């Protein structure tokens, strides 16, 4: 199975919260798939501009390829156009270090 990371950072996959080291580290592929956003000025509060945003189309998502799975952001995974894609996954539950910083995920989610 070929795993392609379409995020801009390493994905460190752990089996459980108790694991000290990741079972697998998947480096970025160099392609970052994302969901476009459209922002409109909504108003202003004390001179601070307030924007309303909505999600648009998916950008830079490869087509399905036999024997390949893709790791994407959770927002991209939830996009309506991904509902029938069985080859697209997002990082699972975040694993954090003692300072509360994310250091990886527990598996992947579909």
PDB file of N, CA and C in Angstrom:
ATOM      1  N   UNK A   1       0.847  -1.181   0.000  1.00  0.00           N
ATOM      2  CA  UNK A   1       0.000   0.000   0.000  1.00  0.00           C
ATOM      3  C   UNK A   1       0.888   1.239   0.000  1.00  0.00           C
ATOM      4  N   UNK A   2       0.617   2.155  -0.874  1.00  0.00           N
ATOM      5  CA  UNK A   2       1.331   3.428  -0.934  1.00  0.00           C
ATOM      6  C   UNK A   2       0.516   4.455  -0.142  1.00  0.00           C
ATOM      7  N   UNK A   3       1.190   5.179   0.780  1.00  0.00           N
ATOM      8  CA  UNK A   3       0.532   6.205   1.584  1.00  0.00           C
ATOM      9  C   UNK A   3       1.101   7.557   1.182  1.00  0.00           C
ATOM     10  N   UNK A   4       0.232   8.472   0.760  1.00  0.00           N
ATOM     11  CA  UNK A   4       0.645   9.799   0.313  1.00  0.00           C
ATOM     12  C   UNK A   4       0.110  10.827   1.308  1.00  0.00           C
ATOM     13  N   UNK A   5       1.026  11.588   1.905  1.00  0.00           N
ATOM     14  CA  UNK A   5       0.672  12.618   2.870  1.00  0.00           C
ATOM     15  C   UNK A   5       0.453  13.932   2.126  1.00  0.00           C
ATOM     16  N   UNK A   6      -0.788  14.396   2.085  1.00  0.00           N
ATOM     17  CA  UNK A   6      -1.129  15.634   1.386  1.00  0.00           C
ATOM     18  C   UNK A   6      -1.266  16.808   2.357  1.00  0.00           C
ATOM     19  N   UNK A   7      -0.607  16.705   3.517  1.00  0.00           N
ATOM     20  CA  UNK A   7      -0.551  17.822   4.470  1.00  0.00           C
ATOM     21  C   UNK A   7       0.850  18.422   4.402  1.00  0.00           C
ATOM     22  N   UNK A   8       1.061  19.607   4.982  1.00  0.00           N
ATOM     23  CA  UNK A   8       2.379  20.242   4.883  1.00  0.00           C
ATOM     24  C   UNK A   8       3.392  19.799   5.939  1.00  0.00           C
ATOM     25  N   UNK A   9       3.063  18.787   6.745  1.00  0.00           N
ATOM     26  CA  UNK A   9       3.968  18.380   7.828  1.00  0.00           C
ATOM     27  C   UNK A   9       4.005  16.865   7.967  1.00  0.00           C
ATOM     28  N   UNK A  10       5.021  16.361   8.672  1.00  0.00           N
ATOM     29  CA  UNK A  10       5.092  14.926   8.945  1.00  0.00           C
ATOM     30  C   UNK A  10       3.831  14.487   9.677  1.00  0.00           C
ATOM     31  N   UNK A  11       3.358  13.276   9.387  1.00  0.00           N
ATOM     32  CA  UNK A  11       2.278  12.670  10.164  1.00  0.00           C
ATOM     33  C   UNK A  11       2.916  11.524  10.944  1.00  0.00           C
ATOM     34  N   UNK A  12       2.998  11.701  12.273  1.00  0.00           N
ATOM     35  CA  UNK A  12       3.558  10.689  13.173  1.00  0.00           C
ATOM     36  C   UNK A  12       2.409   9.842  13.699  1.00  0.00           C
ATOM     37  N   UNK A  13       2.382   8.574  13.315  1.00  0.00           N
ATOM     38  CA  UNK A  13       1.278   7.697  13.693  1.00  0.00           C
ATOM     39  C   UNK A  13       1.701   6.788  14.841  1.00  0.00           C
ATOM     40  N   UNK A  14       0.924   6.849  15.928  1.00  0.00           N
ATOM     41  CA  UNK A  14       1.120   6.000  17.095  1.00  0.00           C
ATOM     42  C   UNK A  14      -0.003   4.974  17.141  1.00  0.00           C
ATOM     43  N   UNK A  15       0.256   3.819  17.758  1.00  0.00           N
ATOM     44  CA  UNK A  15      -0.782   2.801  17.939  1.00  0.00           C
ATOM     45  C   UNK A  15      -1.696   3.144  19.116  1.00  0.00           C
ATOM     46  N   UNK A  16      -1.121   3.765  20.170  1.00  0.00           N
ATOM     47  CA  UNK A  16      -1.896   4.078  21.370  1.00  0.00           C
ATOM     48  C   UNK A  16      -1.300   5.295  22.067  1.00  0.00           C
ATOM     49  N   UNK A  17      -2.028   5.829  23.026  1.00  0.00           N
ATOM     50  CA  UNK A  17      -1.545   6.968  23.818  1.00  0.00           C
ATOM     51  C   UNK A  17      -0.323   6.585  24.646  1.00  0.00           C
ATOM     52  N   UNK A  18      -0.205   5.318  24.988  1.00  0.00           N
ATOM     53  CA  UNK A  18       0.902   4.863  25.828  1.00  0.00           C
ATOM     54  C   UNK A  18       2.221   4.715  25.075  1.00  0.00           C
ATOM     55  N   UNK A  19       2.172   4.598  23.765  1.00  0.00           N
ATOM     56  CA  UNK A  19       3.401   4.412  22.983  1.00  0.00           C
ATOM     57  C   UNK A  19       4.316   5.620  23.124  1.00  0.00           C
ATOM     58  N   UNK A  20       5.609   5.346  23.205  1.00  0.00           N
ATOM     59  CA  UNK A  20       6.618   6.404  23.332  1.00  0.00           C
ATOM     60  C   UNK A  20       7.066   6.893  21.957  1.00  0.00           C
ATOM     61  N   UNK A  21       7.196   5.971  21.027  1.00  0.00           N
ATOM     62  CA  UNK A  21       7.672   6.321  19.682  1.00  0.00           C
ATOM     63  C   UNK A  21       6.591   5.986  18.655  1.00  0.00           C
ATOM     64  N   UNK A  22       6.530   6.773  17.584  1.00  0.00           N
ATOM     65  CA  UNK A  22       5.537   6.472  16.548  1.00  0.00           C
ATOM     66  C   UNK A  22       5.865   5.167  15.830  1.00  0.00           C
ATOM     67  N   UNK A  23       4.834   4.472  15.394  1.00  0.00           N
ATOM     68  CA  UNK A  23       5.022   3.239  14.620  1.00  0.00           C
ATOM     69  C   UNK A  23       5.411   3.565  13.187  1.00  0.00           C
ATOM     70  N   UNK A  24       5.049   4.797  12.757  1.00  0.00           N
ATOM     71  CA  UNK A  24       5.314   5.196  11.383  1.00  0.00           C
ATOM     72  C   UNK A  24       5.347   6.720  11.306  1.00  0.00           C
ATOM     73  N   UNK A  25       6.251   7.236  10.501  1.00  0.00           N
ATOM     74  CA  UNK A  25       6.306   8.674  10.223  1.00  0.00           C
ATOM     75  C   UNK A  25       6.149   8.827   8.714  1.00  0.00           C
ATOM     76  N   UNK A  26       5.137   9.576   8.316  1.00  0.00           N
ATOM     77  CA  UNK A  26       4.867   9.757   6.896  1.00  0.00           C
ATOM     78  C   UNK A  26       5.183  11.199   6.530  1.00  0.00           C
ATOM     79  N   UNK A  27       6.256  11.421   5.775  1.00  0.00           N
ATOM     80  CA  UNK A  27       6.645  12.796   5.415  1.00  0.00           C
ATOM     81  C   UNK A  27       5.678  13.403   4.401  1.00  0.00           C
ATOM     82  N   UNK A  28       5.649  14.741   4.325  1.00  0.00           N
ATOM     83  CA  UNK A  28       4.796  15.389   3.331  1.00  0.00           C
ATOM     84  C   UNK A  28       5.225  15.008   1.924  1.00  0.00           C
ATOM     85  N   UNK A  29       4.269  14.917   1.023  1.00  0.00           N
ATOM     86  CA  UNK A  29       4.558  14.530  -0.362  1.00  0.00           C
ATOM     87  C   UNK A  29       5.041  15.709  -1.206  1.00  0.00           C
ATOM     88  N   UNK A  30       4.817  16.927  -0.702  1.00  0.00           N
ATOM     89  CA  UNK A  30       5.124  18.115  -1.495  1.00  0.00           C
ATOM     90  C   UNK A  30       3.875  18.698  -2.138  1.00  0.00           C
ATOM     91  N   UNK A  31       2.792  17.918  -2.147  1.00  0.00           N
ATOM     92  CA  UNK A  31       1.489  18.408  -2.621  1.00  0.00           C
ATOM     93  C   UNK A  31       0.633  18.613  -1.379  1.00  0.00           C
ATOM     94  N   UNK A  32       0.017  19.786  -1.264  1.00  0.00           N
ATOM     95  CA  UNK A  32      -0.857  20.061  -0.122  1.00  0.00           C
ATOM     96  C   UNK A  32      -2.276  20.249  -0.646  1.00  0.00           C
ATOM     97  N   UNK A  33      -3.129  19.254  -0.379  1.00  0.00           N
ATOM     98  CA  UNK A  33      -4.533  19.368  -0.757  1.00  0.00           C
ATOM     99  C   UNK A  33      -5.227  20.210   0.302  1.00  0.00           C
ATOM    100  N   UNK A  34      -6.110  21.082  -0.140  1.00  0.00           N
ATOM    101  CA  UNK A  34      -6.805  21.952   0.828  1.00  0.00           C
ATOM    102  C   UNK A  34      -8.192  22.302   0.317  1.00  0.00           C
ATOM    103  N   UNK A  35      -8.992  22.841   1.216  1.00  0.00           N
ATOM    104  CA  UNK A  35     -10.317  23.340   0.862  1.00  0.00           C
ATOM    105  C   UNK A  35     -10.196  24.854   0.751  1.00  0.00           C
ATOM    106  N   UNK A  36     -10.615  25.391  -0.382  1.00  0.00           N
ATOM    107  CA  UNK A  36     -10.560  26.845  -0.555  1.00  0.00           C
ATOM    108  C   UNK A  36     -11.603  27.502   0.357  1.00  0.00           C
ATOM    109  N   UNK A  37     -11.346  28.744   0.713  1.00  0.00           N
ATOM    110  CA  UNK A  37     -12.304  29.500   1.519  1.00  0.00           C
ATOM    111  C   UNK A  37     -12.614  30.820   0.826  1.00  0.00           C
ATOM    112  N   UNK A  38     -13.814  31.274   1.070  1.00  0.00           N
ATOM    113  CA  UNK A  38     -14.254  32.560   0.555  1.00  0.00           C
ATOM    114  C   UNK A  38     -14.596  33.411   1.772  1.00  0.00           C
ATOM    115  N   UNK A  39     -13.959  34.570   1.894  1.00  0.00           N
ATOM    116  CA  UNK A  39     -14.214  35.467   3.022  1.00  0.00           C
ATOM    117  C   UNK A  39     -14.862  36.753   2.539  1.00  0.00           C
ATOM    118  N   UNK A  40     -15.847  37.216   3.296  1.00  0.00           N
ATOM    119  CA  UNK A  40     -16.521  38.470   2.991  1.00  0.00           C
ATOM    120  C   UNK A  40     -16.535  39.326   4.247  1.00  0.00           C
ATOM    121  N   UNK A  41     -16.330  40.605   4.058  1.00  0.00           N
ATOM    122  CA  UNK A  41     -16.377  41.524   5.192  1.00  0.00           C
ATOM    123  C   UNK A  41     -17.799  41.528   5.744  1.00  0.00           C
ATOM    124  N   UNK A  42     -17.928  41.199   7.011  1.00  0.00           N
ATOM    125  CA  UNK A  42     -19.231  41.102   7.669  1.00  0.00           C
ATOM    126  C   UNK A  42     -19.588  42.401   8.382  1.00  0.00           C
ATOM    127  N   UNK A  43     -18.554  43.002   8.974  1.00  0.00           N
ATOM    128  CA  UNK A  43     -18.793  44.225   9.718  1.00  0.00           C
ATOM    129  C   UNK A  43     -17.534  44.657  10.433  1.00  0.00           C
ATOM    130  N   UNK A  44     -17.726  45.405  11.495  1.00  0.00           N
ATOM    131  CA  UNK A  44     -16.589  45.951  12.238  1.00  0.00           C
ATOM    132  C   UNK A  44     -16.984  46.094  13.705  1.00  0.00           C
ATOM    133  N   UNK A  45     -16.045  45.813  14.588  1.00  0.00           N
ATOM    134  CA  UNK A  45     -16.252  46.018  16.024  1.00  0.00           C
ATOM    135  C   UNK A  45     -15.056  46.813  16.535  1.00  0.00           C
ATOM    136  N   UNK A  46     -15.298  48.004  17.026  1.00  0.00           N
ATOM    137  CA  UNK A  46     -14.230  48.878  17.527  1.00  0.00           C
ATOM    138  C   UNK A  46     -13.088  49.025  16.524  1.00  0.00           C
ATOM    139  N   UNK A  47     -13.428  49.123  15.249  1.00  0.00           N
ATOM    140  CA  UNK A  47     -12.416  49.294  14.208  1.00  0.00           C
ATOM    141  C   UNK A  47     -11.776  48.000  13.730  1.00  0.00           C
ATOM    142  N   UNK A  48     -12.146  46.871  14.339  1.00  0.00           N
ATOM    143  CA  UNK A  48     -11.589  45.569  13.936  1.00  0.00           C
ATOM    144  C   UNK A  48     -12.496  44.966  12.874  1.00  0.00           C
ATOM    145  N   UNK A  49     -11.956  44.676  11.678  1.00  0.00           N
ATOM    146  CA  UNK A  49     -12.800  44.074  10.646  1.00  0.00           C
ATOM    147  C   UNK A  49     -13.207  42.648  11.040  1.00  0.00           C
ATOM    148  N   UNK A  50     -14.473  42.325  10.819  1.00  0.00           N
ATOM    149  CA  UNK A  50     -15.009  40.993  11.095  1.00  0.00           C
ATOM    150  C   UNK A  50     -15.410  40.377   9.762  1.00  0.00           C
ATOM    151  N   UNK A  51     -14.929  39.154   9.517  1.00  0.00           N
ATOM    152  CA  UNK A  51     -15.186  38.478   8.251  1.00  0.00           C
ATOM    153  C   UNK A  51     -16.054  37.247   8.453  1.00  0.00           C
ATOM    154  N   UNK A  52     -16.833  36.951   7.451  1.00  0.00           N
ATOM    155  CA  UNK A  52     -17.616  35.723   7.377  1.00  0.00           C
ATOM    156  C   UNK A  52     -16.928  34.843   6.339  1.00  0.00           C
ATOM    157  N   UNK A  53     -16.714  33.577   6.678  1.00  0.00           N
ATOM    158  CA  UNK A  53     -16.027  32.679   5.750  1.00  0.00           C
ATOM    159  C   UNK A  53     -16.885  31.462   5.439  1.00  0.00           C
ATOM    160  N   UNK A  54     -16.729  30.952   4.233  1.00  0.00           N
ATOM    161  CA  UNK A  54     -17.385  29.704   3.854  1.00  0.00           C
ATOM    162  C   UNK A  54     -16.392  28.865   3.055  1.00  0.00           C
ATOM    163  N   UNK A  55     -16.609  27.561   3.082  1.00  0.00           N
ATOM    164  CA  UNK A  55     -15.720  26.655   2.369  1.00  0.00           C
ATOM    165  C   UNK A  55     -16.151  26.517   0.926  1.00  0.00           C
ATOM    166  N   UNK A  56     -15.148  26.387   0.054  1.00  0.00           N
ATOM    167  CA  UNK A  56     -15.407  26.255  -1.376  1.00  0.00           C
ATOM    168  C   UNK A  56     -14.969  24.900  -1.897  1.00  0.00           C
ATOM    169  N   UNK A  57     -14.264  24.927  -3.003  1.00  0.00           N
ATOM    170  CA  UNK A  57     -13.825  23.704  -3.680  1.00  0.00           C
ATOM    171  C   UNK A  57     -12.530  23.168  -3.088  1.00  0.00           C
ATOM    172  N   UNK A  58     -12.263  21.911  -3.389  1.00  0.00           N
ATOM    173  CA  UNK A  58     -11.008  21.277  -2.992  1.00  0.00           C
ATOM    174  C   UNK A  58      -9.953  21.587  -4.044  1.00  0.00           C
ATOM    175  N   UNK A  59      -8.752  21.892  -3.570  1.00  0.00           N
ATOM    176  CA  UNK A  59      -7.635  22.250  -4.438  1.00  0.00           C
ATOM    177  C   UNK A  59      -6.520  21.216  -4.279  1.00  0.00           C
ATOM    178  N   UNK A  60      -5.963  20.767  -5.386  1.00  0.00           N
ATOM    179  CA  UNK A  60      -4.801  19.871  -5.439  1.00  0.00           C
ATOM    180  C   UNK A  60      -5.036  18.483  -4.843  1.00  0.00           C
ATOM    181  N   UNK A  61      -6.252  17.950  -4.981  1.00  0.00           N
ATOM    182  CA  UNK A  61      -6.540  16.588  -4.533  1.00  0.00           C
ATOM    183  C   UNK A  61      -6.375  15.637  -5.703  1.00  0.00           C
ATOM    184  N   UNK A  62      -5.448  14.672  -5.596  1.00  0.00           N
ATOM    185  CA  UNK A  62      -5.261  13.717  -6.692  1.00  0.00           C
ATOM    186  C   UNK A  62      -6.489  12.829  -6.892  1.00  0.00           C
ATOM    187  N   UNK A  63      -6.593  12.276  -8.076  1.00  0.00           N
ATOM    188  CA  UNK A  63      -7.641  11.300  -8.371  1.00  0.00           C
ATOM    189  C   UNK A  63      -7.291   9.980  -7.690  1.00  0.00           C
ATOM    190  N   UNK A  64      -8.297   9.131  -7.527  1.00  0.00           N
ATOM    191  CA  UNK A  64      -8.061   7.820  -6.935  1.00  0.00           C
ATOM    192  C   UNK A  64      -7.053   7.044  -7.777  1.00  0.00           C
ATOM    193  N   UNK A  65      -6.197   6.306  -7.064  1.00  0.00           N
ATOM    194  CA  UNK A  65      -5.187   5.483  -7.720  1.00  0.00           C
ATOM    195  C   UNK A  65      -5.150   4.146  -6.985  1.00  0.00           C
ATOM    196  N   UNK A  66      -5.268   3.073  -7.700  1.00  0.00           N
ATOM    197  CA  UNK A  66      -5.299   1.747  -7.088  1.00  0.00           C
ATOM    198  C   UNK A  66      -4.059   1.508  -6.221  1.00  0.00           C
ATOM    199  N   UNK A  67      -4.285   1.008  -5.010  1.00  0.00           N
ATOM    200  CA  UNK A  67      -3.184   0.700  -4.106  1.00  0.00           C
ATOM    201  C   UNK A  67      -2.613   1.897  -3.370  1.00  0.00           C
ATOM    202  N   UNK A  68      -3.295   3.050  -3.442  1.00  0.00           N
ATOM    203  CA  UNK A  68      -2.808   4.278  -2.804  1.00  0.00           C
ATOM    204  C   UNK A  68      -3.874   4.843  -1.879  1.00  0.00           C
ATOM    205  N   UNK A  69      -3.442   5.278  -0.675  1.00  0.00           N
ATOM    206  CA  UNK A  69      -4.329   6.033   0.203  1.00  0.00           C
ATOM    207  C   UNK A  69      -3.716   7.412   0.434  1.00  0.00           C
ATOM    208  N   UNK A  70      -4.572   8.379   0.747  1.00  0.00           N
ATOM    209  CA  UNK A  70      -4.144   9.759   0.934  1.00  0.00           C
ATOM    210  C   UNK A  70      -4.490  10.223   2.345  1.00  0.00           C
ATOM    211  N   UNK A  71      -3.548  10.936   2.973  1.00  0.00           N
ATOM    212  CA  UNK A  71      -3.794  11.566   4.267  1.00  0.00           C
ATOM    213  C   UNK A  71      -4.008  13.045   4.004  1.00  0.00           C
ATOM    214  N   UNK A  72      -5.140  13.565   4.494  1.00  0.00           N
ATOM    215  CA  UNK A  72      -5.522  14.958   4.287  1.00  0.00           C
ATOM    216  C   UNK A  72      -5.941  15.564   5.619  1.00  0.00           C
ATOM    217  N   UNK A  73      -6.246  16.858   5.621  1.00  0.00           N
ATOM    218  CA  UNK A  73      -6.746  17.514   6.828  1.00  0.00           C
ATOM    219  C   UNK A  73      -8.148  17.012   7.148  1.00  0.00           C
ATOM    220  N   UNK A  74      -8.550  17.163   8.414  1.00  0.00           N
ATOM    221  CA  UNK A  74      -9.893  16.756   8.836  1.00  0.00           C
ATOM    222  C   UNK A  74     -10.964  17.537   8.084  1.00  0.00           C
ATOM    223  N   UNK A  75     -10.724  18.819   7.839  1.00  0.00           N
ATOM    224  CA  UNK A  75     -11.712  19.637   7.115  1.00  0.00           C
ATOM    225  C   UNK A  75     -11.894  19.128   5.693  1.00  0.00           C
ATOM    226  N   UNK A  76     -10.810  18.778   5.038  1.00  0.00           N
ATOM    227  CA  UNK A  76     -10.918  18.263   3.678  1.00  0.00           C
ATOM    228  C   UNK A  76     -11.648  16.919   3.683  1.00  0.00           C
ATOM    229  N   UNK A  77     -11.336  16.055   4.653  1.00  0.00           N
ATOM    230  CA  UNK A  77     -11.999  14.752   4.740  1.00  0.00           C
ATOM    231  C   UNK A  77     -13.513  14.905   4.859  1.00  0.00           C
ATOM    232  N   UNK A  78     -13.973  15.936   5.568  1.00  0.00           N
ATOM    233  CA  UNK A  78     -15.406  16.153   5.799  1.00  0.00           C
ATOM    234  C   UNK A  78     -16.112  16.833   4.620  1.00  0.00           C
ATOM    235  N   UNK A  79     -15.374  17.297   3.628  1.00  0.00           N
ATOM    236  CA  UNK A  79     -15.980  17.978   2.469  1.00  0.00           C
ATOM    237  C   UNK A  79     -16.930  17.022   1.748  1.00  0.00           C
ATOM    238  N   UNK A  80     -18.049  17.545   1.294  1.00  0.00           N
ATOM    239  CA  UNK A  80     -19.082  16.721   0.652  1.00  0.00           C
ATOM    240  C   UNK A  80     -18.559  15.906  -0.522  1.00  0.00           C
ATOM    241  N   UNK A  81     -17.575  16.394  -1.236  1.00  0.00           N
ATOM    242  CA  UNK A  81     -17.062  15.667  -2.400  1.00  0.00           C
ATOM    243  C   UNK A  81     -16.180  14.481  -2.026  1.00  0.00           C
ATOM    244  N   UNK A  82     -15.837  14.341  -0.752  1.00  0.00           N
ATOM    245  CA  UNK A  82     -14.993  13.235  -0.316  1.00  0.00           C
ATOM    246  C   UNK A  82     -15.799  12.063   0.240  1.00  0.00           C
ATOM    247  N   UNK A  83     -17.104  12.203   0.358  1.00  0.00           N
ATOM    248  CA  UNK A  83     -17.944  11.195   1.009  1.00  0.00           C
ATOM    249  C   UNK A  83     -17.856   9.814   0.360  1.00  0.00           C
ATOM    250  N   UNK A  84     -17.616   9.747  -0.938  1.00  0.00           N
ATOM    251  CA  UNK A  84     -17.550   8.452  -1.623  1.00  0.00           C
ATOM    252  C   UNK A  84     -16.120   7.980  -1.876  1.00  0.00           C
ATOM    253  N   UNK A  85     -15.150   8.698  -1.344  1.00  0.00           N
ATOM    254  CA  UNK A  85     -13.748   8.319  -1.530  1.00  0.00           C
ATOM    255  C   UNK A  85     -13.305   7.414  -0.390  1.00  0.00           C
ATOM    256  N   UNK A  86     -13.038   6.158  -0.682  1.00  0.00           N
ATOM    257  CA  UNK A  86     -12.611   5.193   0.326  1.00  0.00           C
ATOM    258  C   UNK A  86     -11.087   5.196   0.505  1.00  0.00           C
ATOM    259  N   UNK A  87     -10.400   6.091  -0.213  1.00  0.00           N
ATOM    260  CA  UNK A  87      -8.943   6.148  -0.191  1.00  0.00           C
ATOM    261  C   UNK A  87      -8.417   7.376   0.550  1.00  0.00           C
ATOM    262  N   UNK A  88      -9.308   8.101   1.234  1.00  0.00           N
ATOM    263  CA  UNK A  88      -8.930   9.366   1.870  1.00  0.00           C
ATOM    264  C   UNK A  88      -9.135   9.262   3.380  1.00  0.00           C
ATOM    265  N   UNK A  89      -8.082   9.617   4.139  1.00  0.00           N
ATOM    266  CA  UNK A  89      -8.098   9.523   5.596  1.00  0.00           C
ATOM    267  C   UNK A  89      -7.504  10.790   6.197  1.00  0.00           C
ATOM    268  N   UNK A  90      -7.836  11.055   7.446  1.00  0.00           N
ATOM    269  CA  UNK A  90      -7.257  12.178   8.191  1.00  0.00           C
ATOM    270  C   UNK A  90      -6.558  11.611   9.420  1.00  0.00           C
ATOM    271  N   UNK A  91      -5.648  12.384  10.018  1.00  0.00           N
ATOM    272  CA  UNK A  91      -5.027  11.918  11.257  1.00  0.00           C
ATOM    273  C   UNK A  91      -6.093  11.622  12.316  1.00  0.00           C
ATOM    274  N   UNK A  92      -5.840  10.591  13.117  1.00  0.00           N
ATOM    275  CA  UNK A  92      -6.753  10.231  14.200  1.00  0.00           C
ATOM    276  C   UNK A  92      -6.594  11.166  15.386  1.00  0.00           C
ATOM    277  N   UNK A  93      -7.035  10.715  16.546  1.00  0.00           N
ATOM    278  CA  UNK A  93      -6.961  11.528  17.762  1.00  0.00           C
ATOM    279  C   UNK A  93      -5.534  12.011  18.006  1.00  0.00           C
ATOM    280  N   UNK A  94      -5.394  13.290  18.368  1.00  0.00           N
ATOM    281  CA  UNK A  94      -4.064  13.854  18.594  1.00  0.00           C
ATOM    282  C   UNK A  94      -3.404  13.280  19.836  1.00  0.00           C
ATOM    283  N   UNK A  95      -2.128  13.001  19.722  1.00  0.00           N
ATOM    284  CA  UNK A  95      -1.290  12.618  20.868  1.00  0.00           C
ATOM    285  C   UNK A  95      -0.436  13.842  21.177  1.00  0.00           C
ATOM    286  N   UNK A  96      -0.398  14.230  22.445  1.00  0.00           N
ATOM    287  CA  UNK A  96       0.318  15.444  22.855  1.00  0.00           C
ATOM    288  C   UNK A  96       1.448  15.113  23.819  1.00  0.00           C
ATOM    289  N   UNK A  97       2.466  15.997  23.835  1.00  0.00           N
ATOM    290  CA  UNK A  97       3.567  15.829  24.788  1.00  0.00           C
ATOM    291  C   UNK A  97       3.173  16.450  26.129  1.00  0.00           C
ATOM    292  N   UNK A  98       4.102  16.450  27.073  1.00  0.00           N
ATOM    293  CA  UNK A  98       3.825  16.960  28.419  1.00  0.00           C
ATOM    294  C   UNK A  98       3.504  18.456  28.444  1.00  0.00           C
ATOM    295  N   UNK A  99       3.866  19.172  27.388  1.00  0.00           N
ATOM    296  CA  UNK A  99       3.553  20.604  27.298  1.00  0.00           C
ATOM    297  C   UNK A  99       2.229  20.859  26.575  1.00  0.00           C
ATOM    298  N   UNK A 100       1.566  19.793  26.170  1.00  0.00           N
ATOM    299  CA  UNK A 100       0.293  19.929  25.473  1.00  0.00           C
ATOM    300  C   UNK A 100       0.424  20.141  23.979  1.00  0.00           C
ATOM    301  N   UNK A 101       1.644  20.065  23.453  1.00  0.00           N
ATOM    302  CA  UNK A 101       1.856  20.258  22.021  1.00  0.00           C
ATOM    303  C   UNK A 101       1.603  18.957  21.265  1.00  0.00           C
ATOM    304  N   UNK A 102       0.919  19.030  20.128  1.00  0.00           N
ATOM    305  CA  UNK A 102       0.676  17.811  19.331  1.00  0.00           C
ATOM    306  C   UNK A 102       2.001  17.220  18.830  1.00  0.00           C
ATOM    307  N   UNK A 103       2.137  15.902  18.983  1.00  0.00           N
ATOM    308  CA  UNK A 103       3.340  15.229  18.485  1.00  0.00           C
ATOM    309  C   UNK A 103       2.997  14.109  17.505  1.00  0.00           C
ATOM    310  N   UNK A 104       1.725  13.868  17.298  1.00  0.00           N
ATOM    311  CA  UNK A 104       1.305  12.814  16.390  1.00  0.00           C
ATOM    312  C   UNK A 104      -0.148  12.495  16.576  1.00  0.00           C
ATOM    313  N   UNK A 105      -0.552  11.364  16.021  1.00  0.00           N
ATOM    314  CA  UNK A 105      -1.951  10.948  16.104  1.00  0.00           C
ATOM    315  C   UNK A 105      -2.033   9.453  16.379  1.00  0.00           C
ATOM    316  N   UNK A 106      -3.187   9.050  16.900  1.00  0.00           N
ATOM    317  CA  UNK A 106      -3.458   7.633  17.122  1.00  0.00           C
ATOM    318  C   UNK A 106      -4.184   7.125  15.885  1.00  0.00           C
ATOM    319  N   UNK A 107      -3.470   6.432  15.027  1.00  0.00           N
ATOM    320  CA  UNK A 107      -4.052   5.895  13.805  1.00  0.00           C
ATOM    321  C   UNK A 107      -4.566   6.974  12.874  1.00  0.00           C
ATOM    322  N   UNK A 108      -5.406   6.536  11.959  1.00  0.00           N
ATOM    323  CA  UNK A 108      -6.039   7.437  10.993  1.00  0.00           C
ATOM    324  C   UNK A 108      -7.547   7.296  11.139  1.00  0.00           C
ATOM    325  N   UNK A 109      -8.289   8.282  10.628  1.00  0.00           N
ATOM    326  CA  UNK A 109      -9.746   8.171  10.659  1.00  0.00           C
ATOM    327  C   UNK A 109     -10.314   8.345   9.252  1.00  0.00           C
ATOM    328  N   UNK A 110     -11.470   7.728   9.050  1.00  0.00           N
ATOM    329  CA  UNK A 110     -12.128   7.805   7.745  1.00  0.00           C
ATOM    330  C   UNK A 110     -13.416   8.588   7.845  1.00  0.00           C
TER     331      UNK A 110
END
